[in-house]
Amino acid sequence: MKEIRRKLKAESEKSELPENSFGLSALSSPLRIGYDGKRAANNVTGLGNYSRSLIEHLATQFPANQYYVYTPKITEALKKHQLFLKDNVKLELPPKNSTSPIWRSVGVVLELIRNKVALYHGLNHEIPYGLKENGIKSIVTIHDLIFLVKPRYYKFFDRFIYKYKSRYACKHADRIIAISEQTKRDIIYFYKIDPAKIDVVYQSCDNQFKNLLGENEREFIRNKYKLPQNYLLNVGTVEERKNLLVIIEALPYIDSSYPLVVIGKETPYLKIIKKKIEALDLQKRVIFLKNIPFSDLPGIYQMASTFIYPSKYEGFGIPIIEALYGKVPVVAATGSCLEEAGGPGSRYITPTDSSALADAINTIIKSKEVSSLMAEEGLKYVQRFNADVVTKQMMDCYLKTLNE
């Protein structure tokens, strides 16, 4: 830590900018807000989607402010993303002689001072060193602490780094954003943080999932991927924590006219899944789809009879709200935060109970009344995750932090 502070001081002296050079004017409107943009500028899924969506909605809903996105680099595919084309969003890259890790951890503070940024938001579990010393307020988003709750799913070195960065951020940030009540409870339990310091601000999903497709558009997608008339759907990385195995174990007890469609990044866990499929003679009842364009996903969701998400632990569960926006009944697992995402209209089973899972799915697919009621209740519930709602909550958090 002493070495990091020494480097920050040396960089500040080179800049010939006095400490707190932005002064109180940063608290007046318009605001200047900085972001850790590594994921926003380089990841095309997951945390990248979260980062881009949040900044874009803030920039649209609160256009008077200036939004600075700090990243060591940007992938070619995202250079023309609509976020980075907005007039009030500025992409900030490091000087050519900077090393990426040092710049993100220390050097970016100098850039924040130069840009007179009043508030910095670490979008993924970490913040740079030296923010408080330079009068810059900060917020960090903690998506989950699964590496502490379920450590066996992570390598030792990864756990060490994740814990070090997230614990530092939680201790030193002025406020913490938890993306679910479950994540808030985990932060309090593992890091002994005052609950008053933590705000729960849920996530939304891409607007594409909120637009119901017409019959012609759906049929085009159905023919494109040779999808059956009726099917069950699971979306998510094919890894042990996501728990695809329990769906496979339930499948023999589910109406055989409803095959399972699986979409997700493959990991070595797929070998276990395929071995179980073969053992249960289910080769013709499980369809793996690969390299699906993002624009086709909403249609695949909306044609599903039931969406199944039996993950053993999550920070929130974006795929659930993607399904609910598409008016698709959801069956998920208890034990983490999925009830928060799915609401009271969805069905829940313990992650290891394949029999209960089969019963829940059969109840839905055998009754149009049950299916329709779940779809309507789900669509009503999911409106609390609309972008305008969560964006307003985030801005309220920003203003509260600046006024504390």
Protein backbone atom coordinates (compact mmCIF):
# COMPACT_ATOMS: atom_id res chain seq x y z
CA MET A 1 0.00 0.00 0.00
CA LYS A 2 2.87 2.42 0.81
CA GLU A 3 4.38 1.80 -2.63
CA ILE A 4 1.02 2.50 -4.29
CA ARG A 5 0.63 5.77 -2.38
CA ARG A 6 4.18 6.78 -3.31
CA LYS A 7 3.44 6.28 -7.01
CA LEU A 8 0.20 8.24 -6.79
CA LYS A 9 1.97 11.12 -5.08
CA ALA A 10 4.72 11.11 -7.71
CA GLU A 11 2.17 11.14 -10.51
CA SER A 12 0.26 14.00 -8.87
CA GLU A 13 3.42 16.07 -8.53
CA LYS A 14 4.23 15.50 -12.21
CA SER A 15 0.79 16.74 -13.18
CA GLU A 16 1.33 20.08 -11.35
CA LEU A 17 -2.31 19.87 -10.29
CA PRO A 18 -3.06 20.71 -6.64
CA GLU A 19 -4.89 18.14 -4.55
CA ASN A 20 -8.70 18.59 -4.68
CA SER A 21 -8.21 20.87 -7.68
CA PHE A 22 -11.80 20.33 -8.78
CA GLY A 23 -13.07 21.79 -5.50
CA LEU A 24 -16.69 22.24 -4.50
CA SER A 25 -17.79 23.01 -8.02
CA ALA A 26 -17.90 19.24 -8.67
CA LEU A 27 -20.93 19.04 -6.38
CA SER A 28 -22.97 21.45 -8.48
CA SER A 29 -24.97 20.49 -11.53
CA PRO A 30 -24.03 19.14 -13.99
CA LEU A 31 -22.24 16.27 -12.31
CA ARG A 32 -19.05 14.67 -13.57
CA ILE A 33 -19.15 10.94 -12.89
CA GLY A 34 -16.38 8.43 -13.59
CA TYR A 35 -16.65 4.69 -14.15
CA ASP A 36 -14.42 1.65 -14.21
CA GLY A 37 -14.93 0.90 -17.90
CA LYS A 38 -12.82 -2.23 -18.33
CA ARG A 39 -15.86 -4.49 -18.67
CA ALA A 40 -17.99 -1.92 -20.52
CA ALA A 41 -15.33 -1.52 -23.21
CA ASN A 42 -14.26 -5.14 -23.56
CA ASN A 43 -16.88 -7.68 -22.41
CA VAL A 44 -19.79 -8.35 -24.77
CA THR A 45 -21.84 -10.32 -22.21
CA GLY A 46 -22.53 -10.41 -18.45
CA LEU A 47 -20.77 -7.61 -16.58
CA GLY A 48 -20.10 -5.81 -19.85
CA ASN A 49 -23.83 -5.65 -20.56
CA TYR A 50 -24.51 -4.44 -17.02
CA SER A 51 -21.89 -1.70 -17.27
CA ARG A 52 -22.89 -0.41 -20.70
CA SER A 53 -26.61 -0.55 -19.95
CA LEU A 54 -26.28 1.34 -16.68
CA ILE A 55 -24.10 4.13 -18.06
CA GLU A 56 -26.18 4.45 -21.22
CA HIS A 57 -29.45 4.73 -19.33
CA LEU A 58 -27.97 7.28 -16.92
CA ALA A 59 -26.61 9.33 -19.83
CA THR A 60 -30.02 9.24 -21.52
CA GLN A 61 -32.19 9.83 -18.46
CA PHE A 62 -29.88 12.49 -16.96
CA PRO A 63 -28.31 14.10 -20.06
CA ALA A 64 -26.95 17.23 -18.34
CA ASN A 65 -24.23 15.23 -16.59
CA GLN A 66 -20.86 14.19 -18.02
CA TYR A 67 -19.96 10.50 -17.87
CA TYR A 68 -16.30 9.42 -18.10
CA VAL A 69 -15.53 5.76 -18.87
CA TYR A 70 -11.97 4.77 -17.89
CA THR A 71 -10.54 1.66 -19.51
CA PRO A 72 -7.03 0.38 -20.31
CA LYS A 73 -8.24 -0.60 -23.80
CA ILE A 74 -11.37 -1.12 -25.89
CA THR A 75 -12.18 -4.09 -28.08
CA GLU A 76 -12.76 -3.37 -31.75
CA ALA A 77 -16.31 -4.76 -31.66
CA LEU A 78 -17.39 -2.13 -29.12
CA LYS A 79 -15.75 1.00 -30.53
CA LYS A 80 -18.94 1.94 -32.36
CA HIS A 81 -21.33 0.89 -29.61
CA GLN A 82 -24.05 3.50 -29.14
CA LEU A 83 -22.85 4.19 -25.59
CA PHE A 84 -19.51 5.55 -26.78
CA LEU A 85 -21.17 7.66 -29.47
CA LYS A 86 -23.19 9.71 -26.98
CA ASP A 87 -22.14 13.36 -26.63
CA ASN A 88 -22.10 13.27 -22.82
CA VAL A 89 -20.07 10.04 -22.57
CA LYS A 90 -16.29 10.23 -22.91
CA LEU A 91 -14.01 7.22 -23.26
CA GLU A 92 -10.74 7.71 -21.37
CA LEU A 93 -7.69 5.59 -22.22
CA PRO A 94 -4.33 5.59 -20.38
CA PRO A 95 -1.17 7.31 -21.62
CA LYS A 96 0.89 5.15 -23.96
CA ASN A 97 3.66 4.66 -21.39
CA SER A 98 1.29 3.35 -18.68
CA THR A 99 0.96 -0.27 -17.63
CA SER A 100 -2.63 -1.42 -17.44
CA PRO A 101 -2.81 -2.81 -13.85
CA ILE A 102 -0.98 0.17 -12.31
CA TRP A 103 -3.05 2.65 -14.28
CA ARG A 104 -6.36 1.06 -13.25
CA SER A 105 -5.30 0.81 -9.59
CA VAL A 106 -3.48 4.13 -9.18
CA GLY A 107 -2.96 6.23 -12.30
CA VAL A 108 -6.65 6.61 -13.05
CA VAL A 109 -6.98 8.84 -9.96
CA LEU A 110 -4.83 11.44 -11.67
CA GLU A 111 -7.17 11.34 -14.66
CA LEU A 112 -10.15 11.77 -12.36
CA ILE A 113 -8.56 14.88 -10.90
CA ARG A 114 -7.81 16.28 -14.35
CA ASN A 115 -11.40 15.70 -15.44
CA LYS A 116 -12.75 17.21 -12.21
CA VAL A 117 -14.77 14.08 -11.50
CA ALA A 118 -16.76 14.30 -8.26
CA LEU A 119 -17.88 10.67 -8.01
CA TYR A 120 -16.29 7.41 -9.15
CA HIS A 121 -18.34 4.22 -9.57
CA GLY A 122 -16.49 0.90 -9.55
CA LEU A 123 -18.89 -1.29 -11.51
CA ASN A 124 -17.33 -4.62 -10.63
CA HIS A 125 -16.16 -5.25 -7.07
CA GLU A 126 -13.18 -2.86 -7.06
CA ILE A 127 -12.09 0.78 -6.84
CA PRO A 128 -8.65 2.38 -7.33
CA TYR A 129 -6.44 3.43 -4.45
CA GLY A 130 -6.24 7.04 -3.30
CA LEU A 131 -9.78 8.27 -3.98
CA LYS A 132 -10.52 9.55 -0.49
CA GLU A 133 -7.08 11.12 -0.16
CA ASN A 134 -7.87 13.18 -3.25
CA GLY A 135 -11.40 14.15 -2.21
CA ILE A 136 -13.21 11.94 -4.74
CA LYS A 137 -16.36 10.21 -3.52
CA SER A 138 -16.80 6.59 -4.57
CA ILE A 139 -19.37 3.84 -4.94
CA VAL A 140 -18.71 0.18 -5.68
CA THR A 141 -21.14 -2.37 -7.10
CA ILE A 142 -20.87 -5.83 -5.55
CA HIS A 143 -22.62 -8.38 -7.76
CA ASP A 144 -22.05 -11.37 -5.51
CA LEU A 145 -19.62 -12.98 -3.08
CA ILE A 146 -20.05 -16.49 -4.45
CA PHE A 147 -16.29 -17.03 -4.22
CA LEU A 148 -16.71 -16.85 -0.42
CA VAL A 149 -20.12 -18.56 -0.17
CA LYS A 150 -19.20 -21.43 -2.52
CA PRO A 151 -15.37 -21.36 -2.58
CA ARG A 152 -14.97 -24.79 -4.16
CA TYR A 153 -16.11 -23.39 -7.50
CA TYR A 154 -13.05 -21.11 -7.67
CA LYS A 155 -9.29 -21.55 -7.84
CA PHE A 156 -7.34 -20.48 -4.74
CA PHE A 157 -5.52 -17.59 -6.42
CA ASP A 158 -8.74 -16.26 -7.96
CA ARG A 159 -10.45 -16.36 -4.57
CA PHE A 160 -7.54 -14.49 -3.00
CA ILE A 161 -7.61 -11.70 -5.59
CA TYR A 162 -11.41 -11.37 -5.59
CA LYS A 163 -11.51 -11.22 -1.80
CA TYR A 164 -8.67 -8.70 -1.55
CA LYS A 165 -10.17 -6.31 -4.11
CA SER A 166 -13.78 -6.56 -2.97
CA ARG A 167 -12.98 -6.26 0.73
CA TYR A 168 -10.82 -3.18 0.09
CA ALA A 169 -13.60 -1.64 -2.02
CA CYS A 170 -16.28 -2.33 0.59
CA LYS A 171 -14.16 -0.85 3.38
CA HIS A 172 -13.03 2.27 1.49
CA ALA A 173 -15.92 3.18 -0.83
CA ASP A 174 -18.32 5.80 0.50
CA ARG A 175 -21.28 3.63 -0.43
CA ILE A 176 -21.90 0.11 -1.72
CA ILE A 177 -24.43 -1.00 -4.32
CA ALA A 178 -25.62 -4.59 -3.82
CA ILE A 179 -27.61 -6.02 -6.72
CA SER A 180 -29.87 -8.06 -4.42
CA GLU A 181 -30.87 -8.36 -0.78
CA GLN A 182 -28.99 -11.68 -0.72
CA THR A 183 -25.77 -9.99 -1.83
CA LYS A 184 -26.32 -7.29 0.82
CA ARG A 185 -26.63 -9.98 3.50
CA ASP A 186 -23.44 -11.63 2.24
CA ILE A 187 -21.50 -8.34 2.35
CA ILE A 188 -22.64 -7.71 5.93
CA TYR A 189 -21.80 -11.26 6.99
CA PHE A 190 -18.37 -11.66 5.38
CA TYR A 191 -17.02 -8.10 5.59
CA LYS A 192 -18.84 -6.79 8.70
CA ILE A 193 -20.10 -3.70 6.86
CA ASP A 194 -22.68 -1.37 8.40
CA PRO A 195 -26.00 -2.12 6.63
CA ALA A 196 -26.68 1.63 6.39
CA LYS A 197 -23.75 1.92 3.98
CA ILE A 198 -25.32 -0.52 1.47
CA ASP A 199 -28.07 0.28 -1.03
CA VAL A 200 -29.83 -2.47 -2.99
CA VAL A 201 -30.29 -1.42 -6.62
CA TYR A 202 -31.50 -4.22 -8.86
CA GLN A 203 -30.42 -4.76 -12.45
CA SER A 204 -32.52 -4.48 -15.57
CA CYS A 205 -31.93 -6.36 -18.80
CA ASP A 206 -31.52 -5.36 -22.43
CA ASN A 207 -34.60 -3.70 -23.92
CA GLN A 208 -34.72 -6.33 -26.68
CA PHE A 209 -36.17 -8.80 -24.18
CA LYS A 210 -39.01 -6.42 -23.34
CA ASN A 211 -40.43 -6.35 -26.88
CA LEU A 212 -42.75 -9.26 -27.66
CA LEU A 213 -42.14 -10.55 -31.17
CA GLY A 214 -44.87 -11.18 -33.70
CA GLU A 215 -45.76 -14.63 -34.98
CA ASN A 216 -43.81 -14.21 -38.23
CA GLU A 217 -40.65 -13.19 -36.38
CA ARG A 218 -40.97 -16.12 -34.02
CA GLU A 219 -41.47 -18.60 -36.84
CA PHE A 220 -38.41 -17.25 -38.61
CA ILE A 221 -36.30 -17.95 -35.51
CA ARG A 222 -37.98 -21.33 -34.99
CA ASN A 223 -37.10 -22.40 -38.54
CA LYS A 224 -33.60 -20.92 -38.32
CA TYR A 225 -32.69 -23.14 -35.34
CA LYS A 226 -35.06 -26.05 -36.13
CA LEU A 227 -36.81 -25.59 -32.79
CA PRO A 228 -39.74 -27.87 -31.91
CA GLN A 229 -43.23 -26.50 -31.34
CA ASN A 230 -42.94 -27.01 -27.57
CA TYR A 231 -39.73 -26.93 -25.54
CA LEU A 232 -38.22 -26.15 -22.15
CA LEU A 233 -35.36 -23.66 -21.98
CA ASN A 234 -32.22 -23.22 -19.89
CA VAL A 235 -29.80 -20.33 -20.51
CA GLY A 236 -26.50 -19.92 -18.67
CA THR A 237 -22.92 -21.12 -18.57
CA VAL A 238 -22.79 -24.91 -18.53
CA GLU A 239 -20.97 -25.19 -15.21
CA GLU A 240 -21.59 -27.05 -11.96
CA ARG A 241 -22.98 -24.06 -10.04
CA LYS A 242 -25.66 -23.45 -12.68
CA ASN A 243 -26.86 -26.99 -12.01
CA LEU A 244 -27.96 -28.24 -15.43
CA LEU A 245 -27.57 -31.78 -14.07
CA VAL A 246 -30.75 -31.57 -11.97
CA ILE A 247 -32.76 -30.69 -15.11
CA ILE A 248 -31.34 -33.70 -16.94
CA GLU A 249 -32.24 -35.93 -13.97
CA ALA A 250 -35.80 -34.55 -14.00
CA LEU A 251 -36.30 -34.91 -17.75
CA PRO A 252 -37.38 -38.62 -17.79
CA TYR A 253 -40.33 -37.66 -15.57
CA ILE A 254 -41.47 -34.75 -17.76
CA ASP A 255 -43.83 -35.03 -20.74
CA SER A 256 -41.59 -36.40 -23.53
CA SER A 257 -43.09 -34.03 -26.12
CA TYR A 258 -41.21 -31.18 -24.41
CA PRO A 259 -37.47 -31.44 -25.19
CA LEU A 260 -34.91 -29.27 -23.39
CA VAL A 261 -33.05 -26.50 -25.24
CA VAL A 262 -29.76 -25.44 -23.62
CA ILE A 263 -27.88 -22.22 -24.48
CA GLY A 264 -24.65 -21.32 -22.73
CA LYS A 265 -20.88 -21.26 -22.75
CA GLU A 266 -19.45 -24.75 -22.41
CA THR A 267 -17.01 -25.80 -19.66
CA PRO A 268 -15.52 -29.20 -18.70
CA TYR A 269 -18.74 -29.78 -16.70
CA LEU A 270 -20.42 -30.55 -20.04
CA LYS A 271 -18.72 -33.97 -20.00
CA ILE A 272 -20.65 -34.89 -16.85
CA ILE A 273 -23.88 -33.66 -18.44
CA LYS A 274 -23.40 -35.64 -21.64
CA LYS A 275 -22.53 -38.77 -19.68
CA LYS A 276 -25.78 -38.43 -17.72
CA ILE A 277 -27.76 -37.79 -20.92
CA GLU A 278 -26.36 -40.98 -22.41
CA ALA A 279 -27.00 -42.97 -19.25
CA LEU A 280 -30.66 -41.89 -19.24
CA ASP A 281 -31.01 -42.35 -23.02
CA LEU A 282 -32.03 -38.71 -23.49
CA GLN A 283 -29.93 -37.88 -26.55
CA LYS A 284 -33.02 -36.97 -28.59
CA ARG A 285 -34.53 -34.85 -25.84
CA VAL A 286 -31.71 -32.36 -25.24
CA ILE A 287 -30.79 -29.72 -27.84
CA PHE A 288 -27.59 -27.69 -27.40
CA LEU A 289 -27.50 -24.40 -29.33
CA LYS A 290 -24.18 -22.64 -29.90
CA ASN A 291 -23.10 -19.20 -31.10
CA ILE A 292 -26.57 -17.68 -30.87
CA PRO A 293 -26.61 -13.99 -31.88
CA PHE A 294 -27.83 -11.81 -29.05
CA SER A 295 -30.62 -10.46 -31.24
CA ASP A 296 -32.14 -13.97 -31.59
CA LEU A 297 -32.25 -14.72 -27.87
CA PRO A 298 -35.52 -12.86 -27.09
CA GLY A 299 -37.40 -14.93 -29.66
CA ILE A 300 -35.99 -18.19 -28.31
CA TYR A 301 -37.06 -17.17 -24.81
CA GLN A 302 -40.55 -16.11 -25.87
CA MET A 303 -41.35 -19.39 -27.63
CA ALA A 304 -40.35 -21.55 -24.65
CA SER A 305 -43.06 -23.26 -22.64
CA THR A 306 -41.11 -22.94 -19.39
CA PHE A 307 -37.78 -21.37 -18.43
CA ILE A 308 -35.75 -23.41 -15.92
CA TYR A 309 -32.99 -21.86 -13.79
CA PRO A 310 -32.02 -24.17 -10.89
CA SER A 311 -28.69 -22.47 -10.07
CA LYS A 312 -27.22 -23.35 -6.69
CA TYR A 313 -26.21 -19.74 -6.02
CA GLU A 314 -26.51 -16.40 -7.80
CA GLY A 315 -26.03 -12.71 -7.11
CA PHE A 316 -29.28 -11.90 -8.89
CA GLY A 317 -30.41 -13.87 -11.97
CA ILE A 318 -30.76 -11.75 -15.12
CA PRO A 319 -31.94 -14.71 -17.29
CA ILE A 320 -35.02 -14.98 -15.07
CA ILE A 321 -36.14 -11.42 -15.75
CA GLU A 322 -35.35 -11.90 -19.46
CA ALA A 323 -37.82 -14.80 -19.41
CA LEU A 324 -40.45 -12.91 -17.39
CA TYR A 325 -40.40 -9.98 -19.82
CA GLY A 326 -41.12 -12.54 -22.55
CA LYS A 327 -44.18 -13.84 -20.65
CA VAL A 328 -42.59 -17.22 -20.00
CA PRO A 329 -43.32 -19.16 -16.75
CA VAL A 330 -40.20 -19.66 -14.61
CA VAL A 331 -39.06 -22.48 -12.34
CA ALA A 332 -35.97 -21.61 -10.29
CA ALA A 333 -34.10 -22.75 -7.18
CA THR A 334 -34.23 -21.63 -3.58
CA GLY A 335 -31.14 -20.89 -1.52
CA SER A 336 -29.89 -17.55 -2.84
CA CYS A 337 -31.61 -14.61 -4.50
CA LEU A 338 -33.65 -16.15 -7.31
CA GLU A 339 -36.94 -15.53 -5.50
CA GLU A 340 -36.09 -11.81 -5.66
CA ALA A 341 -35.70 -12.01 -9.43
CA GLY A 342 -38.66 -14.31 -10.10
CA GLY A 343 -41.20 -12.95 -7.63
CA PRO A 344 -44.16 -14.76 -6.06
CA GLY A 345 -45.65 -15.87 -9.37
CA SER A 346 -42.75 -18.20 -10.24
CA ARG A 347 -42.18 -21.71 -8.87
CA TYR A 348 -39.15 -22.72 -6.75
CA ILE A 349 -37.51 -26.01 -5.82
CA THR A 350 -34.46 -26.94 -3.78
CA PRO A 351 -31.47 -27.26 -6.16
CA THR A 352 -31.05 -31.01 -5.63
CA ASP A 353 -34.70 -32.09 -5.88
CA SER A 354 -35.20 -33.39 -9.43
CA SER A 355 -38.57 -34.89 -8.51
CA ALA A 356 -39.95 -31.54 -7.34
CA LEU A 357 -38.56 -29.92 -10.47
CA ALA A 358 -40.35 -32.42 -12.70
CA ASP A 359 -43.61 -31.90 -10.78
CA ALA A 360 -43.37 -28.10 -11.10
CA ILE A 361 -42.71 -28.25 -14.86
CA ASN A 362 -45.49 -30.80 -15.49
CA THR A 363 -47.96 -28.62 -13.60
CA ILE A 364 -47.14 -25.71 -15.90
CA ILE A 365 -47.10 -27.48 -19.26
CA LYS A 366 -50.25 -29.50 -18.55
CA SER A 367 -52.39 -26.48 -17.64
CA LYS A 368 -52.86 -23.49 -19.91
CA GLU A 369 -54.56 -21.72 -17.04
CA VAL A 370 -51.54 -22.14 -14.74
CA SER A 371 -49.12 -21.20 -17.50
CA SER A 372 -51.07 -18.07 -18.48
CA LEU A 373 -51.49 -16.94 -14.88
CA MET A 374 -47.75 -17.33 -14.18
CA ALA A 375 -46.90 -15.44 -17.37
CA GLU A 376 -49.18 -12.52 -16.48
CA GLU A 377 -48.05 -12.36 -12.85
CA GLY A 378 -44.42 -12.55 -13.92
CA LEU A 379 -44.78 -9.72 -16.43
CA LYS A 380 -46.45 -7.55 -13.81
CA TYR A 381 -43.77 -8.30 -11.21
CA VAL A 382 -40.81 -7.69 -13.51
CA GLN A 383 -41.79 -4.07 -14.16
CA ARG A 384 -39.93 -3.15 -10.96
CA PHE A 385 -36.74 -3.88 -12.90
CA ASN A 386 -37.49 -1.46 -15.74
CA ALA A 387 -34.50 0.66 -16.69
CA ASP A 388 -36.11 3.98 -15.80
CA VAL A 389 -36.86 2.71 -12.28
CA VAL A 390 -33.39 1.33 -11.48
CA THR A 391 -31.65 4.26 -13.20
CA LYS A 392 -33.51 6.72 -10.97
CA GLN A 393 -32.57 4.66 -7.92
CA MET A 394 -28.91 4.73 -8.98
CA MET A 395 -28.89 8.51 -9.46
CA ASP A 396 -30.54 8.94 -6.06
CA CYS A 397 -27.69 6.90 -4.59
CA TYR A 398 -25.14 9.11 -6.37
CA LEU A 399 -26.68 12.29 -4.99
CA LYS A 400 -26.96 10.84 -1.49
CA THR A 401 -23.28 9.88 -1.60
CA LEU A 402 -22.19 13.34 -2.74
CA ASN A 403 -24.23 15.03 -0.03
CA GLU A 404 -23.01 12.83 2.83
